[in-house]
Amino acid sequence: RMATPLVTGLAVAATALAARAVVTTVEAWALAGPRARAFYHGGFEAQMTRREAALILGVREGAARQRVLDAHRRVMMANHPDAGGSAFLSTKINEAKATLLRGRARGGSDGI
């Protein structure tokens, strides 16, 4: 007889904790904004393409040279191995910059 109220109480407590976890997760997701949710789901390709490079740096494929350099700096500062980042990711970030800047003149106007 005493076990039934105990089991019911534990079930209610477990449900309340689960609901709290769901609410906390949904609130965090909503506060993150669309930029944090819109990342590229996928691994790296064997040969980096301009599309993949643009996704890594968060710019368009035809971004201006200065925009690519600014994006590279921003992403590298967040992922540099000396600051606790991954050496593999920093290599990919450098490869992305090189891929997007390949074949571009040093000066002049680039497309946006």
N, C-alpha and C. Protein backbone atom coordinates (compact mmCIF):
# COMPACT_ATOMS: atom_id res chain seq x y z
N ARG A 1 0.81 -1.20 0.00
CA ARG A 1 0.00 0.00 0.00
C ARG A 1 0.85 1.26 0.00
N MET A 2 1.95 1.24 0.71
CA MET A 2 2.80 2.41 0.80
C MET A 2 3.63 2.62 -0.47
N ALA A 3 3.84 1.59 -1.25
CA ALA A 3 4.67 1.68 -2.45
C ALA A 3 4.00 2.49 -3.55
N THR A 4 2.70 2.44 -3.67
CA THR A 4 1.98 3.14 -4.74
C THR A 4 2.18 4.65 -4.67
N PRO A 5 1.97 5.31 -3.52
CA PRO A 5 2.21 6.76 -3.48
C PRO A 5 3.69 7.11 -3.72
N LEU A 6 4.59 6.25 -3.28
CA LEU A 6 6.01 6.50 -3.49
C LEU A 6 6.36 6.44 -4.98
N VAL A 7 5.87 5.43 -5.67
CA VAL A 7 6.11 5.29 -7.10
C VAL A 7 5.47 6.45 -7.86
N THR A 8 4.28 6.84 -7.48
CA THR A 8 3.59 7.97 -8.12
C THR A 8 4.39 9.25 -7.92
N GLY A 9 4.88 9.47 -6.72
CA GLY A 9 5.69 10.67 -6.44
C GLY A 9 6.96 10.71 -7.26
N LEU A 10 7.63 9.57 -7.37
CA LEU A 10 8.85 9.50 -8.18
C LEU A 10 8.55 9.74 -9.65
N ALA A 11 7.43 9.22 -10.14
CA ALA A 11 7.04 9.42 -11.54
C ALA A 11 6.76 10.89 -11.81
N VAL A 12 6.08 11.56 -10.90
CA VAL A 12 5.78 12.98 -11.06
C VAL A 12 7.07 13.80 -11.04
N ALA A 13 7.97 13.46 -10.13
CA ALA A 13 9.24 14.18 -10.05
C ALA A 13 10.07 13.99 -11.33
N ALA A 14 10.11 12.77 -11.85
CA ALA A 14 10.86 12.51 -13.08
C ALA A 14 10.26 13.27 -14.26
N THR A 15 8.93 13.31 -14.33
CA THR A 15 8.25 14.05 -15.40
C THR A 15 8.56 15.54 -15.30
N ALA A 16 8.56 16.07 -14.10
CA ALA A 16 8.85 17.50 -13.90
C ALA A 16 10.28 17.83 -14.32
N LEU A 17 11.22 16.97 -13.97
CA LEU A 17 12.61 17.20 -14.36
C LEU A 17 12.79 17.12 -15.87
N ALA A 18 12.12 16.17 -16.50
CA ALA A 18 12.20 16.04 -17.95
C ALA A 18 11.60 17.27 -18.63
N ALA A 19 10.47 17.75 -18.13
CA ALA A 19 9.83 18.93 -18.70
C ALA A 19 10.73 20.15 -18.54
N ARG A 20 11.37 20.26 -17.39
CA ARG A 20 12.29 21.38 -17.15
C ARG A 20 13.45 21.35 -18.13
N ALA A 21 13.99 20.17 -18.39
CA ALA A 21 15.09 20.04 -19.34
C ALA A 21 14.66 20.44 -20.74
N VAL A 22 13.46 20.05 -21.13
CA VAL A 22 12.95 20.40 -22.46
C VAL A 22 12.77 21.91 -22.57
N VAL A 23 12.18 22.53 -21.56
CA VAL A 23 11.96 23.97 -21.59
C VAL A 23 13.29 24.72 -21.65
N THR A 24 14.26 24.29 -20.86
CA THR A 24 15.57 24.93 -20.86
C THR A 24 16.24 24.81 -22.23
N THR A 25 16.15 23.65 -22.85
CA THR A 25 16.75 23.44 -24.16
C THR A 25 16.09 24.31 -25.22
N VAL A 26 14.77 24.37 -25.21
CA VAL A 26 14.04 25.19 -26.19
C VAL A 26 14.37 26.66 -26.01
N GLU A 27 14.46 27.12 -24.78
CA GLU A 27 14.81 28.52 -24.54
C GLU A 27 16.22 28.83 -25.03
N ALA A 28 17.16 27.94 -24.77
CA ALA A 28 18.53 28.15 -25.24
C ALA A 28 18.60 28.16 -26.75
N TRP A 29 17.84 27.30 -27.39
CA TRP A 29 17.81 27.23 -28.85
C TRP A 29 17.23 28.52 -29.42
N ALA A 30 16.17 29.03 -28.79
CA ALA A 30 15.53 30.25 -29.27
C ALA A 30 16.46 31.45 -29.10
N LEU A 31 17.22 31.50 -28.01
CA LEU A 31 18.13 32.61 -27.76
C LEU A 31 19.36 32.57 -28.66
N ALA A 32 19.70 31.38 -29.17
CA ALA A 32 20.89 31.23 -29.99
C ALA A 32 20.78 32.01 -31.29
N GLY A 33 19.58 32.19 -31.78
CA GLY A 33 19.39 32.93 -33.02
C GLY A 33 19.62 32.07 -34.24
N PRO A 34 19.22 32.54 -35.42
CA PRO A 34 19.32 31.74 -36.63
C PRO A 34 20.76 31.50 -37.07
N ARG A 35 21.70 32.41 -36.76
CA ARG A 35 23.09 32.23 -37.19
C ARG A 35 23.73 31.01 -36.53
N ALA A 36 23.42 30.81 -35.26
CA ALA A 36 24.01 29.69 -34.54
C ALA A 36 23.41 28.36 -34.98
N ARG A 37 22.21 28.39 -35.50
CA ARG A 37 21.54 27.15 -35.92
C ARG A 37 21.84 26.80 -37.37
N ALA A 38 22.35 27.74 -38.15
CA ALA A 38 22.50 27.52 -39.59
C ALA A 38 23.93 27.17 -39.95
N PHE A 39 24.49 26.15 -39.34
CA PHE A 39 25.83 25.75 -39.71
C PHE A 39 25.77 24.57 -40.65
N TYR A 40 26.88 24.30 -41.28
CA TYR A 40 26.96 23.25 -42.30
C TYR A 40 27.04 21.88 -41.64
N HIS A 41 26.09 21.02 -41.93
CA HIS A 41 26.08 19.66 -41.40
C HIS A 41 26.79 18.76 -42.40
N GLY A 42 28.01 18.41 -42.13
CA GLY A 42 28.73 17.53 -43.04
C GLY A 42 30.22 17.57 -42.78
N GLY A 43 30.91 16.59 -43.30
CA GLY A 43 32.35 16.52 -43.13
C GLY A 43 33.07 17.24 -44.24
N PHE A 44 34.38 17.16 -44.21
CA PHE A 44 35.18 17.81 -45.24
C PHE A 44 35.28 16.91 -46.46
N GLU A 45 35.33 17.54 -47.64
CA GLU A 45 35.50 16.79 -48.88
C GLU A 45 36.99 16.50 -49.07
N ALA A 46 37.30 15.50 -49.89
CA ALA A 46 38.70 15.12 -50.12
C ALA A 46 39.48 16.29 -50.73
N GLN A 47 38.92 16.92 -51.74
CA GLN A 47 39.52 18.10 -52.38
C GLN A 47 38.60 19.27 -52.07
N MET A 48 39.11 20.31 -51.40
CA MET A 48 38.27 21.43 -51.00
C MET A 48 37.77 22.19 -52.21
N THR A 49 36.47 22.43 -52.24
CA THR A 49 35.86 23.21 -53.30
C THR A 49 35.66 24.64 -52.82
N ARG A 50 35.36 25.54 -53.76
CA ARG A 50 35.09 26.94 -53.39
C ARG A 50 33.85 27.02 -52.50
N ARG A 51 32.87 26.16 -52.75
CA ARG A 51 31.66 26.15 -51.94
C ARG A 51 31.98 25.78 -50.49
N GLU A 52 32.77 24.72 -50.32
CA GLU A 52 33.13 24.28 -48.98
C GLU A 52 33.97 25.35 -48.28
N ALA A 53 34.90 25.97 -49.01
CA ALA A 53 35.73 27.03 -48.44
C ALA A 53 34.88 28.20 -47.96
N ALA A 54 33.89 28.57 -48.77
CA ALA A 54 33.00 29.66 -48.39
C ALA A 54 32.18 29.30 -47.15
N LEU A 55 31.74 28.05 -47.06
CA LEU A 55 31.00 27.62 -45.88
C LEU A 55 31.87 27.65 -44.62
N ILE A 56 33.11 27.26 -44.74
CA ILE A 56 34.01 27.25 -43.59
C ILE A 56 34.23 28.67 -43.07
N LEU A 57 34.45 29.62 -43.98
CA LEU A 57 34.73 30.99 -43.57
C LEU A 57 33.47 31.82 -43.36
N GLY A 58 32.33 31.32 -43.79
CA GLY A 58 31.09 32.06 -43.60
C GLY A 58 30.93 33.23 -44.55
N VAL A 59 31.47 33.11 -45.75
CA VAL A 59 31.33 34.16 -46.77
C VAL A 59 30.75 33.54 -48.04
N ARG A 60 30.46 34.39 -49.01
CA ARG A 60 30.00 33.88 -50.31
C ARG A 60 31.19 33.43 -51.14
N GLU A 61 30.93 32.58 -52.10
CA GLU A 61 32.01 32.06 -52.96
C GLU A 61 32.73 33.18 -53.70
N GLY A 62 32.02 34.22 -54.08
CA GLY A 62 32.62 35.32 -54.82
C GLY A 62 32.94 36.52 -53.95
N ALA A 63 33.16 36.31 -52.66
CA ALA A 63 33.40 37.42 -51.73
C ALA A 63 34.68 38.17 -52.09
N ALA A 64 34.69 39.45 -51.76
CA ALA A 64 35.86 40.29 -52.02
C ALA A 64 37.04 39.79 -51.20
N ARG A 65 38.23 40.07 -51.71
CA ARG A 65 39.46 39.62 -51.05
C ARG A 65 39.50 40.04 -49.58
N GLN A 66 39.18 41.31 -49.32
CA GLN A 66 39.25 41.82 -47.94
C GLN A 66 38.23 41.12 -47.04
N ARG A 67 37.08 40.82 -47.58
CA ARG A 67 36.06 40.11 -46.80
C ARG A 67 36.54 38.70 -46.45
N VAL A 68 37.21 38.03 -47.38
CA VAL A 68 37.77 36.70 -47.12
C VAL A 68 38.84 36.79 -46.04
N LEU A 69 39.72 37.79 -46.15
CA LEU A 69 40.78 37.95 -45.17
C LEU A 69 40.22 38.26 -43.78
N ASP A 70 39.20 39.11 -43.71
CA ASP A 70 38.57 39.43 -42.42
C ASP A 70 37.91 38.20 -41.81
N ALA A 71 37.21 37.44 -42.65
CA ALA A 71 36.55 36.22 -42.16
C ALA A 71 37.58 35.20 -41.69
N HIS A 72 38.68 35.07 -42.44
CA HIS A 72 39.75 34.14 -42.05
C HIS A 72 40.31 34.53 -40.68
N ARG A 73 40.57 35.79 -40.50
CA ARG A 73 41.11 36.26 -39.21
C ARG A 73 40.15 35.97 -38.07
N ARG A 74 38.87 36.26 -38.28
CA ARG A 74 37.87 36.04 -37.24
C ARG A 74 37.75 34.56 -36.87
N VAL A 75 37.71 33.69 -37.88
CA VAL A 75 37.56 32.26 -37.62
C VAL A 75 38.84 31.69 -37.01
N MET A 76 40.00 32.16 -37.48
CA MET A 76 41.26 31.67 -36.93
C MET A 76 41.45 32.07 -35.48
N MET A 77 41.02 33.26 -35.13
CA MET A 77 41.15 33.71 -33.74
C MET A 77 40.34 32.81 -32.80
N ALA A 78 39.23 32.31 -33.29
CA ALA A 78 38.40 31.43 -32.47
C ALA A 78 38.90 30.00 -32.44
N ASN A 79 39.70 29.60 -33.43
CA ASN A 79 40.11 28.20 -33.54
C ASN A 79 41.62 27.99 -33.58
N HIS A 80 42.41 28.97 -33.22
CA HIS A 80 43.86 28.84 -33.32
C HIS A 80 44.39 27.82 -32.31
N PRO A 81 45.31 26.95 -32.73
CA PRO A 81 45.85 25.92 -31.82
C PRO A 81 46.51 26.50 -30.56
N ASP A 82 47.14 27.67 -30.67
CA ASP A 82 47.77 28.29 -29.49
C ASP A 82 46.74 28.75 -28.46
N ALA A 83 45.49 28.90 -28.89
CA ALA A 83 44.42 29.32 -27.99
C ALA A 83 43.51 28.15 -27.62
N GLY A 84 44.01 26.93 -27.85
CA GLY A 84 43.23 25.75 -27.48
C GLY A 84 42.41 25.17 -28.61
N GLY A 85 42.56 25.70 -29.80
CA GLY A 85 41.82 25.19 -30.95
C GLY A 85 42.49 23.97 -31.56
N SER A 86 41.86 23.45 -32.58
CA SER A 86 42.34 22.24 -33.25
C SER A 86 43.31 22.58 -34.38
N ALA A 87 44.44 21.86 -34.42
CA ALA A 87 45.40 22.06 -35.50
C ALA A 87 44.79 21.64 -36.84
N PHE A 88 43.97 20.59 -36.83
CA PHE A 88 43.32 20.13 -38.05
C PHE A 88 42.37 21.20 -38.59
N LEU A 89 41.55 21.79 -37.70
CA LEU A 89 40.62 22.82 -38.15
C LEU A 89 41.36 24.06 -38.64
N SER A 90 42.43 24.44 -37.97
CA SER A 90 43.16 25.62 -38.43
C SER A 90 43.78 25.38 -39.81
N THR A 91 44.19 24.14 -40.07
CA THR A 91 44.70 23.79 -41.39
C THR A 91 43.60 23.94 -42.44
N LYS A 92 42.41 23.46 -42.11
CA LYS A 92 41.28 23.57 -43.04
C LYS A 92 40.88 25.03 -43.25
N ILE A 93 40.95 25.84 -42.20
CA ILE A 93 40.62 27.26 -42.32
C ILE A 93 41.62 27.95 -43.24
N ASN A 94 42.90 27.64 -43.08
CA ASN A 94 43.93 28.21 -43.97
C ASN A 94 43.74 27.74 -45.41
N GLU A 95 43.38 26.47 -45.57
CA GLU A 95 43.12 25.93 -46.90
C GLU A 95 41.92 26.63 -47.55
N ALA A 96 40.91 26.92 -46.74
CA ALA A 96 39.73 27.61 -47.25
C ALA A 96 40.09 29.00 -47.75
N LYS A 97 40.91 29.72 -46.98
CA LYS A 97 41.35 31.05 -47.41
C LYS A 97 42.12 30.96 -48.72
N ALA A 98 43.05 30.01 -48.80
CA ALA A 98 43.85 29.86 -50.01
C ALA A 98 42.98 29.49 -51.21
N THR A 99 41.98 28.66 -50.99
CA THR A 99 41.09 28.25 -52.08
C THR A 99 40.30 29.44 -52.62
N LEU A 100 39.78 30.27 -51.72
CA LEU A 100 38.98 31.41 -52.16
C LEU A 100 39.83 32.51 -52.79
N LEU A 101 41.09 32.63 -52.35
CA LEU A 101 41.94 33.69 -52.90
C LEU A 101 42.73 33.25 -54.12
N ARG A 102 42.72 31.96 -54.41
CA ARG A 102 43.47 31.42 -55.55
C ARG A 102 43.00 32.07 -56.85
N GLY A 103 43.94 32.57 -57.63
CA GLY A 103 43.61 33.13 -58.93
C GLY A 103 43.12 34.56 -58.88
N ARG A 104 43.15 35.17 -57.70
CA ARG A 104 42.71 36.57 -57.60
C ARG A 104 43.90 37.50 -57.65
N ALA A 105 43.70 38.65 -58.24
CA ALA A 105 44.75 39.67 -58.25
C ALA A 105 44.89 40.27 -56.86
N ARG A 106 46.05 40.80 -56.55
CA ARG A 106 46.28 41.35 -55.21
C ARG A 106 45.47 42.61 -54.99
N GLY A 107 45.32 43.43 -55.98
CA GLY A 107 44.59 44.69 -55.84
C GLY A 107 43.34 44.66 -56.70
N GLY A 108 42.82 45.83 -56.94
CA GLY A 108 41.66 45.93 -57.81
C GLY A 108 40.37 45.66 -57.06
N SER A 109 39.27 45.72 -57.79
CA SER A 109 37.98 45.51 -57.15
C SER A 109 37.53 44.07 -57.38
N ASP A 110 37.14 43.45 -56.32
CA ASP A 110 36.61 42.09 -56.39
C ASP A 110 35.11 42.15 -56.23
N GLY A 111 34.44 41.11 -56.71
CA GLY A 111 33.00 41.04 -56.55
C GLY A 111 32.64 40.77 -55.11
N ILE A 112 31.41 41.12 -54.75
CA ILE A 112 30.96 40.90 -53.36
C ILE A 112 30.09 39.68 -53.29
